[in-house]
Amino acid sequence: MRAFKKEDISEINSWLLGRDIEPLDEIDIPKYGMIEPEVAAGFVCFTDTTTCFLEVFLSNPFANKRKVSQSIMKIAKWGLRLASTANMKRCLIITNNRSLKRRAKSLGFGFKDCELGIMDFRH
């Protein structure tokens, strides 16, 4: 596992295309991220408040599922350590993926029923 570099965008975009998801532009990638090459990547999105997000977790659809799971957990733990050292008071994760939700709960996240509205200005 290592810090995400902008040169890694082509790799994660290949993962997205493998899932029939539109690729990301460089501007869409948060500043702080980690990647396990050929397996998974994740990011911490800081706000101008004391709240941050663990966001944009991506995985290679052809990678070994066990490696993906292990890498996602390592990346999430890294993100929480980074948030803690940056004096964040809360860290949020937004997901409707049962597997990610289960992992997040094991790290101490609590979930309440909610809906997320998204407006995409690109369309």
PDB file of N, CA and C in Angstrom:
ATOM      1  N   MET A   1       0.849  -1.169   0.000  1.00  0.00           N
ATOM      2  CA  MET A   1       0.000   0.000   0.000  1.00  0.00           C
ATOM      3  C   MET A   1       0.898   1.237   0.000  1.00  0.00           C
ATOM      4  N   ARG A   2       0.488   2.229  -0.774  1.00  0.00           N
ATOM      5  CA  ARG A   2       1.273   3.454  -0.862  1.00  0.00           C
ATOM      6  C   ARG A   2       0.350   4.639  -1.142  1.00  0.00           C
ATOM      7  N   ALA A   3       0.923   5.831  -1.035  1.00  0.00           N
ATOM      8  CA  ALA A   3       0.159   7.039  -1.330  1.00  0.00           C
ATOM      9  C   ALA A   3      -0.283   7.031  -2.786  1.00  0.00           C
ATOM     10  N   PHE A   4      -1.500   7.486  -3.011  1.00  0.00           N
ATOM     11  CA  PHE A   4      -2.052   7.596  -4.355  1.00  0.00           C
ATOM     12  C   PHE A   4      -1.360   8.737  -5.086  1.00  0.00           C
ATOM     13  N   LYS A   5      -1.000   8.499  -6.345  1.00  0.00           N
ATOM     14  CA  LYS A   5      -0.394   9.525  -7.201  1.00  0.00           C
ATOM     15  C   LYS A   5      -1.314   9.753  -8.396  1.00  0.00           C
ATOM     16  N   LYS A   6      -1.236  10.933  -8.982  1.00  0.00           N
ATOM     17  CA  LYS A   6      -2.128  11.201 -10.114  1.00  0.00           C
ATOM     18  C   LYS A   6      -1.900  10.236 -11.273  1.00  0.00           C
ATOM     19  N   GLU A   7      -0.716   9.644 -11.348  1.00  0.00           N
ATOM     20  CA  GLU A   7      -0.460   8.643 -12.389  1.00  0.00           C
ATOM     21  C   GLU A   7      -1.319   7.387 -12.207  1.00  0.00           C
ATOM     22  N   ASP A   8      -1.887   7.225 -11.009  1.00  0.00           N
ATOM     23  CA  ASP A   8      -2.725   6.050 -10.720  1.00  0.00           C
ATOM     24  C   ASP A   8      -4.144   6.191 -11.263  1.00  0.00           C
ATOM     25  N   ILE A   9      -4.496   7.370 -11.733  1.00  0.00           N
ATOM     26  CA  ILE A   9      -5.868   7.600 -12.198  1.00  0.00           C
ATOM     27  C   ILE A   9      -6.240   6.639 -13.324  1.00  0.00           C
ATOM     28  N   SER A  10      -5.323   6.379 -14.226  1.00  0.00           N
ATOM     29  CA  SER A  10      -5.651   5.466 -15.331  1.00  0.00           C
ATOM     30  C   SER A  10      -5.977   4.067 -14.807  1.00  0.00           C
ATOM     31  N   GLU A  11      -5.298   3.644 -13.738  1.00  0.00           N
ATOM     32  CA  GLU A  11      -5.590   2.333 -13.171  1.00  0.00           C
ATOM     33  C   GLU A  11      -6.992   2.293 -12.560  1.00  0.00           C
ATOM     34  N   ILE A  12      -7.323   3.292 -11.750  1.00  0.00           N
ATOM     35  CA  ILE A  12      -8.657   3.240 -11.138  1.00  0.00           C
ATOM     36  C   ILE A  12      -9.751   3.455 -12.178  1.00  0.00           C
ATOM     37  N   ASN A  13      -9.460   4.220 -13.209  1.00  0.00           N
ATOM     38  CA  ASN A  13     -10.458   4.374 -14.267  1.00  0.00           C
ATOM     39  C   ASN A  13     -10.684   3.062 -15.009  1.00  0.00           C
ATOM     40  N   SER A  14      -9.653   2.250 -15.145  1.00  0.00           N
ATOM     41  CA  SER A  14      -9.856   0.933 -15.766  1.00  0.00           C
ATOM     42  C   SER A  14     -10.760   0.073 -14.889  1.00  0.00           C
ATOM     43  N   TRP A  15     -10.651   0.227 -13.577  1.00  0.00           N
ATOM     44  CA  TRP A  15     -11.540  -0.513 -12.660  1.00  0.00           C
ATOM     45  C   TRP A  15     -12.980  -0.042 -12.840  1.00  0.00           C
ATOM     46  N   LEU A  16     -13.162   1.283 -12.946  1.00  0.00           N
ATOM     47  CA  LEU A  16     -14.509   1.825 -13.132  1.00  0.00           C
ATOM     48  C   LEU A  16     -15.100   1.344 -14.454  1.00  0.00           C
ATOM     49  N   LEU A  17     -14.323   1.407 -15.505  1.00  0.00           N
ATOM     50  CA  LEU A  17     -14.805   0.935 -16.806  1.00  0.00           C
ATOM     51  C   LEU A  17     -15.151  -0.548 -16.758  1.00  0.00           C
ATOM     52  N   GLY A  18     -14.413  -1.318 -15.961  1.00  0.00           N
ATOM     53  CA  GLY A  18     -14.712  -2.740 -15.783  1.00  0.00           C
ATOM     54  C   GLY A  18     -16.037  -2.978 -15.080  1.00  0.00           C
ATOM     55  N   ARG A  19     -16.549  -1.928 -14.455  1.00  0.00           N
ATOM     56  CA  ARG A  19     -17.859  -1.988 -13.780  1.00  0.00           C
ATOM     57  C   ARG A  19     -18.917  -1.182 -14.537  1.00  0.00           C
ATOM     58  N   ASP A  20     -18.596  -0.753 -15.748  1.00  0.00           N
ATOM     59  CA  ASP A  20     -19.485   0.082 -16.561  1.00  0.00           C
ATOM     60  C   ASP A  20     -19.854   1.385 -15.856  1.00  0.00           C
ATOM     61  N   ILE A  21     -18.856   1.986 -15.196  1.00  0.00           N
ATOM     62  CA  ILE A  21     -19.021   3.273 -14.515  1.00  0.00           C
ATOM     63  C   ILE A  21     -18.146   4.290 -15.225  1.00  0.00           C
ATOM     64  N   GLU A  22     -18.671   5.489 -15.377  1.00  0.00           N
ATOM     65  CA  GLU A  22     -17.946   6.564 -16.054  1.00  0.00           C
ATOM     66  C   GLU A  22     -16.623   6.864 -15.342  1.00  0.00           C
ATOM     67  N   PRO A  23     -15.530   7.023 -16.082  1.00  0.00           N
ATOM     68  CA  PRO A  23     -14.236   7.315 -15.465  1.00  0.00           C
ATOM     69  C   PRO A  23     -14.219   8.680 -14.784  1.00  0.00           C
ATOM     70  N   LEU A  24     -13.261   8.858 -13.883  1.00  0.00           N
ATOM     71  CA  LEU A  24     -13.102  10.106 -13.152  1.00  0.00           C
ATOM     72  C   LEU A  24     -12.051  10.986 -13.824  1.00  0.00           C
ATOM     73  N   ASP A  25     -12.217  12.284 -13.661  1.00  0.00           N
ATOM     74  CA  ASP A  25     -11.203  13.239 -14.090  1.00  0.00           C
ATOM     75  C   ASP A  25     -10.287  13.500 -12.898  1.00  0.00           C
ATOM     76  N   GLU A  26      -9.107  14.017 -13.168  1.00  0.00           N
ATOM     77  CA  GLU A  26      -8.156  14.311 -12.091  1.00  0.00           C
ATOM     78  C   GLU A  26      -8.784  15.198 -11.017  1.00  0.00           C
ATOM     79  N   ILE A  27      -9.604  16.141 -11.420  1.00  0.00           N
ATOM     80  CA  ILE A  27     -10.248  17.069 -10.477  1.00  0.00           C
ATOM     81  C   ILE A  27     -11.211  16.346  -9.521  1.00  0.00           C
ATOM     82  N   ASP A  28     -11.665  15.154  -9.903  1.00  0.00           N
ATOM     83  CA  ASP A  28     -12.596  14.381  -9.083  1.00  0.00           C
ATOM     84  C   ASP A  28     -11.904  13.599  -7.967  1.00  0.00           C
ATOM     85  N   ILE A  29     -10.584  13.536  -7.987  1.00  0.00           N
ATOM     86  CA  ILE A  29      -9.836  12.724  -7.042  1.00  0.00           C
ATOM     87  C   ILE A  29      -9.408  13.576  -5.849  1.00  0.00           C
ATOM     88  N   PRO A  30      -9.773  13.167  -4.625  1.00  0.00           N
ATOM     89  CA  PRO A  30      -9.341  13.915  -3.442  1.00  0.00           C
ATOM     90  C   PRO A  30      -7.818  13.945  -3.300  1.00  0.00           C
ATOM     91  N   LYS A  31      -7.337  14.914  -2.547  1.00  0.00           N
ATOM     92  CA  LYS A  31      -5.897  15.129  -2.373  1.00  0.00           C
ATOM     93  C   LYS A  31      -5.219  13.986  -1.618  1.00  0.00           C
ATOM     94  N   TYR A  32      -5.894  13.416  -0.618  1.00  0.00           N
ATOM     95  CA  TYR A  32      -5.280  12.409   0.240  1.00  0.00           C
ATOM     96  C   TYR A  32      -5.863  11.040  -0.055  1.00  0.00           C
ATOM     97  N   GLY A  33      -5.026  10.146  -0.560  1.00  0.00           N
ATOM     98  CA  GLY A  33      -5.496   8.810  -0.887  1.00  0.00           C
ATOM     99  C   GLY A  33      -4.395   7.777  -0.781  1.00  0.00           C
ATOM    100  N   MET A  34      -4.820   6.528  -0.703  1.00  0.00           N
ATOM    101  CA  MET A  34      -3.905   5.383  -0.676  1.00  0.00           C
ATOM    102  C   MET A  34      -4.378   4.393  -1.728  1.00  0.00           C
ATOM    103  N   ILE A  35      -3.417   3.625  -2.242  1.00  0.00           N
ATOM    104  CA  ILE A  35      -3.749   2.606  -3.232  1.00  0.00           C
ATOM    105  C   ILE A  35      -2.948   1.342  -2.953  1.00  0.00           C
ATOM    106  N   GLU A  36      -3.598   0.237  -3.107  1.00  0.00           N
ATOM    107  CA  GLU A  36      -2.931  -1.061  -3.194  1.00  0.00           C
ATOM    108  C   GLU A  36      -2.981  -1.381  -4.682  1.00  0.00           C
ATOM    109  N   PRO A  37      -1.869  -1.170  -5.399  1.00  0.00           N
ATOM    110  CA  PRO A  37      -1.905  -1.351  -6.848  1.00  0.00           C
ATOM    111  C   PRO A  37      -2.528  -2.682  -7.261  1.00  0.00           C
ATOM    112  N   GLU A  38      -3.340  -2.611  -8.300  1.00  0.00           N
ATOM    113  CA  GLU A  38      -4.057  -3.744  -8.878  1.00  0.00           C
ATOM    114  C   GLU A  38      -5.167  -4.295  -7.988  1.00  0.00           C
ATOM    115  N   VAL A  39      -5.418  -3.637  -6.827  1.00  0.00           N
ATOM    116  CA  VAL A  39      -6.415  -4.168  -5.898  1.00  0.00           C
ATOM    117  C   VAL A  39      -7.486  -3.135  -5.522  1.00  0.00           C
ATOM    118  N   ALA A  40      -7.109  -2.059  -4.809  1.00  0.00           N
ATOM    119  CA  ALA A  40      -8.107  -1.113  -4.298  1.00  0.00           C
ATOM    120  C   ALA A  40      -7.469   0.237  -3.980  1.00  0.00           C
ATOM    121  N   ALA A  41      -8.318   1.259  -3.865  1.00  0.00           N
ATOM    122  CA  ALA A  41      -7.886   2.606  -3.488  1.00  0.00           C
ATOM    123  C   ALA A  41      -8.982   3.258  -2.657  1.00  0.00           C
ATOM    124  N   GLY A  42      -8.596   4.220  -1.846  1.00  0.00           N
ATOM    125  CA  GLY A  42      -9.554   4.965  -1.036  1.00  0.00           C
ATOM    126  C   GLY A  42      -8.984   6.312  -0.656  1.00  0.00           C
ATOM    127  N   PHE A  43      -9.860   7.217  -0.239  1.00  0.00           N
ATOM    128  CA  PHE A  43      -9.477   8.598  -0.030  1.00  0.00           C
ATOM    129  C   PHE A  43     -10.125   9.183   1.217  1.00  0.00           C
ATOM    130  N   VAL A  44      -9.479  10.228   1.739  1.00  0.00           N
ATOM    131  CA  VAL A  44     -10.053  11.038   2.812  1.00  0.00           C
ATOM    132  C   VAL A  44     -10.341  12.403   2.214  1.00  0.00           C
ATOM    133  N   CYS A  45     -11.572  12.863   2.373  1.00  0.00           N
ATOM    134  CA  CYS A  45     -11.975  14.188   1.893  1.00  0.00           C
ATOM    135  C   CYS A  45     -12.133  15.096   3.109  1.00  0.00           C
ATOM    136  N   PHE A  46     -11.262  16.065   3.226  1.00  0.00           N
ATOM    137  CA  PHE A  46     -11.345  17.022   4.319  1.00  0.00           C
ATOM    138  C   PHE A  46     -12.248  18.182   3.920  1.00  0.00           C
ATOM    139  N   THR A  47     -12.979  18.702   4.874  1.00  0.00           N
ATOM    140  CA  THR A  47     -13.815  19.883   4.659  1.00  0.00           C
ATOM    141  C   THR A  47     -13.147  21.062   5.368  1.00  0.00           C
ATOM    142  N   ASP A  48     -13.765  22.219   5.294  1.00  0.00           N
ATOM    143  CA  ASP A  48     -13.224  23.373   6.015  1.00  0.00           C
ATOM    144  C   ASP A  48     -13.803  23.451   7.432  1.00  0.00           C
ATOM    145  N   THR A  49     -14.317  22.328   7.916  1.00  0.00           N
ATOM    146  CA  THR A  49     -14.832  22.211   9.278  1.00  0.00           C
ATOM    147  C   THR A  49     -14.037  21.111   9.990  1.00  0.00           C
ATOM    148  N   THR A  50     -14.552  20.610  11.077  1.00  0.00           N
ATOM    149  CA  THR A  50     -13.892  19.514  11.792  1.00  0.00           C
ATOM    150  C   THR A  50     -14.485  18.159  11.404  1.00  0.00           C
ATOM    151  N   THR A  51     -15.086  18.106  10.231  1.00  0.00           N
ATOM    152  CA  THR A  51     -15.669  16.875   9.703  1.00  0.00           C
ATOM    153  C   THR A  51     -14.943  16.497   8.417  1.00  0.00           C
ATOM    154  N   CYS A  52     -14.685  15.202   8.274  1.00  0.00           N
ATOM    155  CA  CYS A  52     -14.110  14.702   7.022  1.00  0.00           C
ATOM    156  C   CYS A  52     -14.908  13.476   6.588  1.00  0.00           C
ATOM    157  N   PHE A  53     -14.633  13.008   5.406  1.00  0.00           N
ATOM    158  CA  PHE A  53     -15.299  11.843   4.839  1.00  0.00           C
ATOM    159  C   PHE A  53     -14.262  10.812   4.419  1.00  0.00           C
ATOM    160  N   LEU A  54     -14.546   9.545   4.674  1.00  0.00           N
ATOM    161  CA  LEU A  54     -13.846   8.472   3.983  1.00  0.00           C
ATOM    162  C   LEU A  54     -14.690   8.254   2.747  1.00  0.00           C
ATOM    163  N   GLU A  55     -14.105   8.469   1.594  1.00  0.00           N
ATOM    164  CA  GLU A  55     -14.918   8.517   0.387  1.00  0.00           C
ATOM    165  C   GLU A  55     -14.145   7.981  -0.809  1.00  0.00           C
ATOM    166  N   VAL A  56     -14.871   7.653  -1.811  1.00  0.00           N
ATOM    167  CA  VAL A  56     -14.347   7.175  -3.080  1.00  0.00           C
ATOM    168  C   VAL A  56     -13.481   5.931  -2.860  1.00  0.00           C
ATOM    169  N   PHE A  57     -14.093   4.875  -2.345  1.00  0.00           N
ATOM    170  CA  PHE A  57     -13.414   3.585  -2.264  1.00  0.00           C
ATOM    171  C   PHE A  57     -13.677   2.849  -3.564  1.00  0.00           C
ATOM    172  N   LEU A  58     -12.605   2.429  -4.213  1.00  0.00           N
ATOM    173  CA  LEU A  58     -12.703   1.762  -5.509  1.00  0.00           C
ATOM    174  C   LEU A  58     -11.904   0.480  -5.462  1.00  0.00           C
ATOM    175  N   SER A  59     -12.374  -0.520  -6.195  1.00  0.00           N
ATOM    176  CA  SER A  59     -11.603  -1.762  -6.253  1.00  0.00           C
ATOM    177  C   SER A  59     -11.600  -2.325  -7.664  1.00  0.00           C
ATOM    178  N   ASN A  60     -10.583  -3.095  -7.935  1.00  0.00           N
ATOM    179  CA  ASN A  60     -10.437  -3.772  -9.205  1.00  0.00           C
ATOM    180  C   ASN A  60     -11.462  -4.907  -9.259  1.00  0.00           C
ATOM    181  N   PRO A  61     -12.386  -4.877 -10.221  1.00  0.00           N
ATOM    182  CA  PRO A  61     -13.421  -5.917 -10.262  1.00  0.00           C
ATOM    183  C   PRO A  61     -12.866  -7.312 -10.538  1.00  0.00           C
ATOM    184  N   PHE A  62     -11.617  -7.392 -10.970  1.00  0.00           N
ATOM    185  CA  PHE A  62     -11.013  -8.689 -11.289  1.00  0.00           C
ATOM    186  C   PHE A  62     -10.017  -9.152 -10.226  1.00  0.00           C
ATOM    187  N   ALA A  63      -9.841  -8.351  -9.173  1.00  0.00           N
ATOM    188  CA  ALA A  63      -8.898  -8.707  -8.105  1.00  0.00           C
ATOM    189  C   ALA A  63      -9.512  -9.753  -7.181  1.00  0.00           C
ATOM    190  N   ASN A  64      -8.661 -10.471  -6.500  1.00  0.00           N
ATOM    191  CA  ASN A  64      -9.079 -11.447  -5.501  1.00  0.00           C
ATOM    192  C   ASN A  64      -9.906 -10.739  -4.426  1.00  0.00           C
ATOM    193  N   LYS A  65     -11.103 -11.250  -4.157  1.00  0.00           N
ATOM    194  CA  LYS A  65     -12.034 -10.589  -3.226  1.00  0.00           C
ATOM    195  C   LYS A  65     -11.455 -10.468  -1.825  1.00  0.00           C
ATOM    196  N   ARG A  66     -10.702 -11.471  -1.407  1.00  0.00           N
ATOM    197  CA  ARG A  66     -10.085 -11.408  -0.070  1.00  0.00           C
ATOM    198  C   ARG A  66      -9.055 -10.278  -0.003  1.00  0.00           C
ATOM    199  N   LYS A  67      -8.244 -10.141  -1.066  1.00  0.00           N
ATOM    200  CA  LYS A  67      -7.261  -9.056  -1.108  1.00  0.00           C
ATOM    201  C   LYS A  67      -7.956  -7.695  -1.118  1.00  0.00           C
ATOM    202  N   VAL A  68      -9.055  -7.609  -1.861  1.00  0.00           N
ATOM    203  CA  VAL A  68      -9.817  -6.356  -1.898  1.00  0.00           C
ATOM    204  C   VAL A  68     -10.292  -6.004  -0.496  1.00  0.00           C
ATOM    205  N   SER A  69     -10.897  -6.960   0.189  1.00  0.00           N
ATOM    206  CA  SER A  69     -11.414  -6.726   1.535  1.00  0.00           C
ATOM    207  C   SER A  69     -10.308  -6.278   2.486  1.00  0.00           C
ATOM    208  N   GLN A  70      -9.184  -6.972   2.445  1.00  0.00           N
ATOM    209  CA  GLN A  70      -8.061  -6.617   3.322  1.00  0.00           C
ATOM    210  C   GLN A  70      -7.527  -5.231   2.992  1.00  0.00           C
ATOM    211  N   SER A  71      -7.415  -4.919   1.725  1.00  0.00           N
ATOM    212  CA  SER A  71      -6.894  -3.618   1.315  1.00  0.00           C
ATOM    213  C   SER A  71      -7.839  -2.489   1.700  1.00  0.00           C
ATOM    214  N   ILE A  72      -9.127  -2.691   1.510  1.00  0.00           N
ATOM    215  CA  ILE A  72     -10.109  -1.659   1.884  1.00  0.00           C
ATOM    216  C   ILE A  72     -10.015  -1.365   3.385  1.00  0.00           C
ATOM    217  N   MET A  73      -9.868  -2.401   4.198  1.00  0.00           N
ATOM    218  CA  MET A  73      -9.747  -2.197   5.643  1.00  0.00           C
ATOM    219  C   MET A  73      -8.459  -1.446   5.987  1.00  0.00           C
ATOM    220  N   LYS A  74      -7.362  -1.804   5.373  1.00  0.00           N
ATOM    221  CA  LYS A  74      -6.095  -1.095   5.623  1.00  0.00           C
ATOM    222  C   LYS A  74      -6.211   0.367   5.226  1.00  0.00           C
ATOM    223  N   ILE A  75      -6.814   0.618   4.083  1.00  0.00           N
ATOM    224  CA  ILE A  75      -6.977   1.992   3.599  1.00  0.00           C
ATOM    225  C   ILE A  75      -7.893   2.773   4.531  1.00  0.00           C
ATOM    226  N   ALA A  76      -8.982   2.165   4.981  1.00  0.00           N
ATOM    227  CA  ALA A  76      -9.904   2.842   5.905  1.00  0.00           C
ATOM    228  C   ALA A  76      -9.206   3.166   7.227  1.00  0.00           C
ATOM    229  N   LYS A  77      -8.437   2.240   7.746  1.00  0.00           N
ATOM    230  CA  LYS A  77      -7.713   2.487   9.006  1.00  0.00           C
ATOM    231  C   LYS A  77      -6.696   3.607   8.827  1.00  0.00           C
ATOM    232  N   TRP A  78      -6.011   3.624   7.685  1.00  0.00           N
ATOM    233  CA  TRP A  78      -5.095   4.725   7.391  1.00  0.00           C
ATOM    234  C   TRP A  78      -5.861   6.049   7.391  1.00  0.00           C
ATOM    235  N   GLY A  79      -7.013   6.080   6.720  1.00  0.00           N
ATOM    236  CA  GLY A  79      -7.812   7.298   6.645  1.00  0.00           C
ATOM    237  C   GLY A  79      -8.250   7.792   8.006  1.00  0.00           C
ATOM    238  N   LEU A  80      -8.635   6.868   8.880  1.00  0.00           N
ATOM    239  CA  LEU A  80      -9.052   7.259  10.231  1.00  0.00           C
ATOM    240  C   LEU A  80      -7.870   7.796  11.041  1.00  0.00           C
ATOM    241  N   ARG A  81      -6.703   7.198  10.886  1.00  0.00           N
ATOM    242  CA  ARG A  81      -5.505   7.723  11.568  1.00  0.00           C
ATOM    243  C   ARG A  81      -5.181   9.127  11.062  1.00  0.00           C
ATOM    244  N   LEU A  82      -5.248   9.312   9.748  1.00  0.00           N
ATOM    245  CA  LEU A  82      -4.978  10.631   9.172  1.00  0.00           C
ATOM    246  C   LEU A  82      -5.971  11.661   9.702  1.00  0.00           C
ATOM    247  N   ALA A  83      -7.242  11.305   9.740  1.00  0.00           N
ATOM    248  CA  ALA A  83      -8.276  12.219  10.240  1.00  0.00           C
ATOM    249  C   ALA A  83      -8.037  12.569  11.709  1.00  0.00           C
ATOM    250  N   SER A  84      -7.653  11.582  12.482  1.00  0.00           N
ATOM    251  CA  SER A  84      -7.396  11.808  13.901  1.00  0.00           C
ATOM    252  C   SER A  84      -6.218  12.754  14.106  1.00  0.00           C
ATOM    253  N   THR A  85      -5.152  12.562  13.351  1.00  0.00           N
ATOM    254  CA  THR A  85      -3.989  13.434  13.509  1.00  0.00           C
ATOM    255  C   THR A  85      -4.252  14.842  12.975  1.00  0.00           C
ATOM    256  N   ALA A  86      -5.266  14.988  12.137  1.00  0.00           N
ATOM    257  CA  ALA A  86      -5.647  16.309  11.617  1.00  0.00           C
ATOM    258  C   ALA A  86      -6.682  16.985  12.516  1.00  0.00           C
ATOM    259  N   ASN A  87      -6.923  16.403  13.695  1.00  0.00           N
ATOM    260  CA  ASN A  87      -7.854  16.951  14.687  1.00  0.00           C
ATOM    261  C   ASN A  87      -9.300  17.041  14.210  1.00  0.00           C
ATOM    262  N   MET A  88      -9.694  16.121  13.357  1.00  0.00           N
ATOM    263  CA  MET A  88     -11.085  16.056  12.943  1.00  0.00           C
ATOM    264  C   MET A  88     -11.923  15.561  14.121  1.00  0.00           C
ATOM    265  N   LYS A  89     -13.122  16.086  14.274  1.00  0.00           N
ATOM    266  CA  LYS A  89     -14.014  15.661  15.355  1.00  0.00           C
ATOM    267  C   LYS A  89     -14.938  14.543  14.912  1.00  0.00           C
ATOM    268  N   ARG A  90     -15.181  14.453  13.631  1.00  0.00           N
ATOM    269  CA  ARG A  90     -16.044  13.373  13.127  1.00  0.00           C
ATOM    270  C   ARG A  90     -15.616  12.999  11.726  1.00  0.00           C
ATOM    271  N   CYS A  91     -15.832  11.737  11.437  1.00  0.00           N
ATOM    272  CA  CYS A  91     -15.529  11.212  10.112  1.00  0.00           C
ATOM    273  C   CYS A  91     -16.783  10.502   9.621  1.00  0.00           C
ATOM    274  N   LEU A  92     -17.191  10.800   8.417  1.00  0.00           N
ATOM    275  CA  LEU A  92     -18.409  10.231   7.856  1.00  0.00           C
ATOM    276  C   LEU A  92     -18.072   9.298   6.698  1.00  0.00           C
ATOM    277  N   ILE A  93     -18.946   8.345   6.489  1.00  0.00           N
ATOM    278  CA  ILE A  93     -18.863   7.487   5.318  1.00  0.00           C
ATOM    279  C   ILE A  93     -20.285   7.333   4.799  1.00  0.00           C
ATOM    280  N   ILE A  94     -20.449   7.449   3.512  1.00  0.00           N
ATOM    281  CA  ILE A  94     -21.766   7.315   2.891  1.00  0.00           C
ATOM    282  C   ILE A  94     -21.717   6.110   1.974  1.00  0.00           C
ATOM    283  N   THR A  95     -22.533   5.121   2.258  1.00  0.00           N
ATOM    284  CA  THR A  95     -22.569   3.936   1.415  1.00  0.00           C
ATOM    285  C   THR A  95     -23.902   3.219   1.564  1.00  0.00           C
ATOM    286  N   ASN A  96     -24.332   2.588   0.497  1.00  0.00           N
ATOM    287  CA  ASN A  96     -25.468   1.673   0.581  1.00  0.00           C
ATOM    288  C   ASN A  96     -24.998   0.253   0.284  1.00  0.00           C
ATOM    289  N   ASN A  97     -23.679   0.090   0.193  1.00  0.00           N
ATOM    290  CA  ASN A  97     -23.081  -1.215  -0.043  1.00  0.00           C
ATOM    291  C   ASN A  97     -23.000  -1.970   1.283  1.00  0.00           C
ATOM    292  N   ARG A  98     -23.658  -3.117   1.359  1.00  0.00           N
ATOM    293  CA  ARG A  98     -23.712  -3.872   2.624  1.00  0.00           C
ATOM    294  C   ARG A  98     -22.333  -4.272   3.123  1.00  0.00           C
ATOM    295  N   SER A  99     -21.470  -4.666   2.217  1.00  0.00           N
ATOM    296  CA  SER A  99     -20.133  -5.092   2.609  1.00  0.00           C
ATOM    297  C   SER A  99     -19.333  -3.924   3.197  1.00  0.00           C
ATOM    298  N   LEU A 100     -19.369  -2.770   2.528  1.00  0.00           N
ATOM    299  CA  LEU A 100     -18.671  -1.599   3.062  1.00  0.00           C
ATOM    300  C   LEU A 100     -19.278  -1.145   4.385  1.00  0.00           C
ATOM    301  N   LYS A 101     -20.590  -1.224   4.476  1.00  0.00           N
ATOM    302  CA  LYS A 101     -21.256  -0.829   5.714  1.00  0.00           C
ATOM    303  C   LYS A 101     -20.825  -1.748   6.869  1.00  0.00           C
ATOM    304  N   ARG A 102     -20.735  -3.038   6.608  1.00  0.00           N
ATOM    305  CA  ARG A 102     -20.308  -3.989   7.633  1.00  0.00           C
ATOM    306  C   ARG A 102     -18.873  -3.679   8.080  1.00  0.00           C
ATOM    307  N   ARG A 103     -17.999  -3.408   7.131  1.00  0.00           N
ATOM    308  CA  ARG A 103     -16.617  -3.061   7.471  1.00  0.00           C
ATOM    309  C   ARG A 103     -16.565  -1.775   8.287  1.00  0.00           C
ATOM    310  N   ALA A 104     -17.332  -0.774   7.862  1.00  0.00           N
ATOM    311  CA  ALA A 104     -17.352   0.500   8.578  1.00  0.00           C
ATOM    312  C   ALA A 104     -17.845   0.317  10.010  1.00  0.00           C
ATOM    313  N   LYS A 105     -18.871  -0.488  10.195  1.00  0.00           N
ATOM    314  CA  LYS A 105     -19.364  -0.757  11.549  1.00  0.00           C
ATOM    315  C   LYS A 105     -18.287  -1.407  12.405  1.00  0.00           C
ATOM    316  N   SER A 106     -17.500  -2.303  11.807  1.00  0.00           N
ATOM    317  CA  SER A 106     -16.436  -2.965  12.569  1.00  0.00           C
ATOM    318  C   SER A 106     -15.351  -1.980  12.998  1.00  0.00           C
ATOM    319  N   LEU A 107     -15.267  -0.833  12.317  1.00  0.00           N
ATOM    320  CA  LEU A 107     -14.307   0.208  12.671  1.00  0.00           C
ATOM    321  C   LEU A 107     -14.889   1.230  13.643  1.00  0.00           C
ATOM    322  N   GLY A 108     -16.186   1.097  13.968  1.00  0.00           N
ATOM    323  CA  GLY A 108     -16.806   1.992  14.934  1.00  0.00           C
ATOM    324  C   GLY A 108     -17.803   2.981  14.368  1.00  0.00           C
ATOM    325  N   PHE A 109     -18.072   2.938  13.067  1.00  0.00           N
ATOM    326  CA  PHE A 109     -19.075   3.829  12.485  1.00  0.00           C
ATOM    327  C   PHE A 109     -20.462   3.374  12.893  1.00  0.00           C
ATOM    328  N   GLY A 110     -21.345   4.339  13.152  1.00  0.00           N
ATOM    329  CA  GLY A 110     -22.753   4.052  13.396  1.00  0.00           C
ATOM    330  C   GLY A 110     -23.549   4.503  12.191  1.00  0.00           C
ATOM    331  N   PHE A 111     -24.629   3.811  11.908  1.00  0.00           N
ATOM    332  CA  PHE A 111     -25.456   4.150  10.748  1.00  0.00           C
ATOM    333  C   PHE A 111     -26.897   4.373  11.182  1.00  0.00           C
ATOM    334  N   LYS A 112     -27.522   5.371  10.576  1.00  0.00           N
ATOM    335  CA  LYS A 112     -28.946   5.624  10.742  1.00  0.00           C
ATOM    336  C   LYS A 112     -29.540   5.607   9.350  1.00  0.00           C
ATOM    337  N   ASP A 113     -30.797   5.271   9.260  1.00  0.00           N
ATOM    338  CA  ASP A 113     -31.442   5.273   7.949  1.00  0.00           C
ATOM    339  C   ASP A 113     -31.444   6.695   7.397  1.00  0.00           C
ATOM    340  N   CYS A 114     -30.964   6.827   6.188  1.00  0.00           N
ATOM    341  CA  CYS A 114     -30.971   8.140   5.546  1.00  0.00           C
ATOM    342  C   CYS A 114     -30.932   7.955   4.042  1.00  0.00           C
ATOM    343  N   GLU A 115     -31.283   8.996   3.357  1.00  0.00           N
ATOM    344  CA  GLU A 115     -31.201   9.011   1.913  1.00  0.00           C
ATOM    345  C   GLU A 115     -30.245  10.105   1.511  1.00  0.00           C
ATOM    346  N   LEU A 116     -29.529   9.874   0.458  1.00  0.00           N
ATOM    347  CA  LEU A 116     -28.560  10.833  -0.035  1.00  0.00           C
ATOM    348  C   LEU A 116     -29.032  11.365  -1.376  1.00  0.00           C
ATOM    349  N   GLY A 117     -29.112  12.664  -1.486  1.00  0.00           N
ATOM    350  CA  GLY A 117     -29.453  13.297  -2.757  1.00  0.00           C
ATOM    351  C   GLY A 117     -28.194  13.821  -3.420  1.00  0.00           C
ATOM    352  N   ILE A 118     -28.040  13.561  -4.679  1.00  0.00           N
ATOM    353  CA  ILE A 118     -26.864  14.000  -5.417  1.00  0.00           C
ATOM    354  C   ILE A 118     -27.319  14.763  -6.660  1.00  0.00           C
ATOM    355  N   MET A 119     -26.691  15.910  -6.894  1.00  0.00           N
ATOM    356  CA  MET A 119     -26.928  16.646  -8.125  1.00  0.00           C
ATOM    357  C   MET A 119     -25.632  16.639  -8.902  1.00  0.00           C
ATOM    358  N   ASP A 120     -25.667  16.126 -10.099  1.00  0.00           N
ATOM    359  CA  ASP A 120     -24.497  16.065 -10.976  1.00  0.00           C
ATOM    360  C   ASP A 120     -24.614  17.191 -11.983  1.00  0.00           C
ATOM    361  N   PHE A 121     -23.759  18.187 -11.866  1.00  0.00           N
ATOM    362  CA  PHE A 121     -23.824  19.336 -12.747  1.00  0.00           C
ATOM    363  C   PHE A 121     -23.252  19.071 -14.128  1.00  0.00           C
ATOM    364  N   ARG A 122     -22.668  17.882 -14.342  1.00  0.00           N
ATOM    365  CA  ARG A 122     -22.061  17.572 -15.631  1.00  0.00           C
ATOM    366  C   ARG A 122     -23.109  17.158 -16.666  1.00  0.00           C
ATOM    367  N   HIS A 123     -24.320  16.846 -16.251  1.00  0.00           N
ATOM    368  CA  HIS A 123     -25.336  16.359 -17.214  1.00  0.00           C
ATOM    369  C   HIS A 123     -26.430  17.382 -17.399  1.00  0.00           C
TER     370      HIS A 123
END
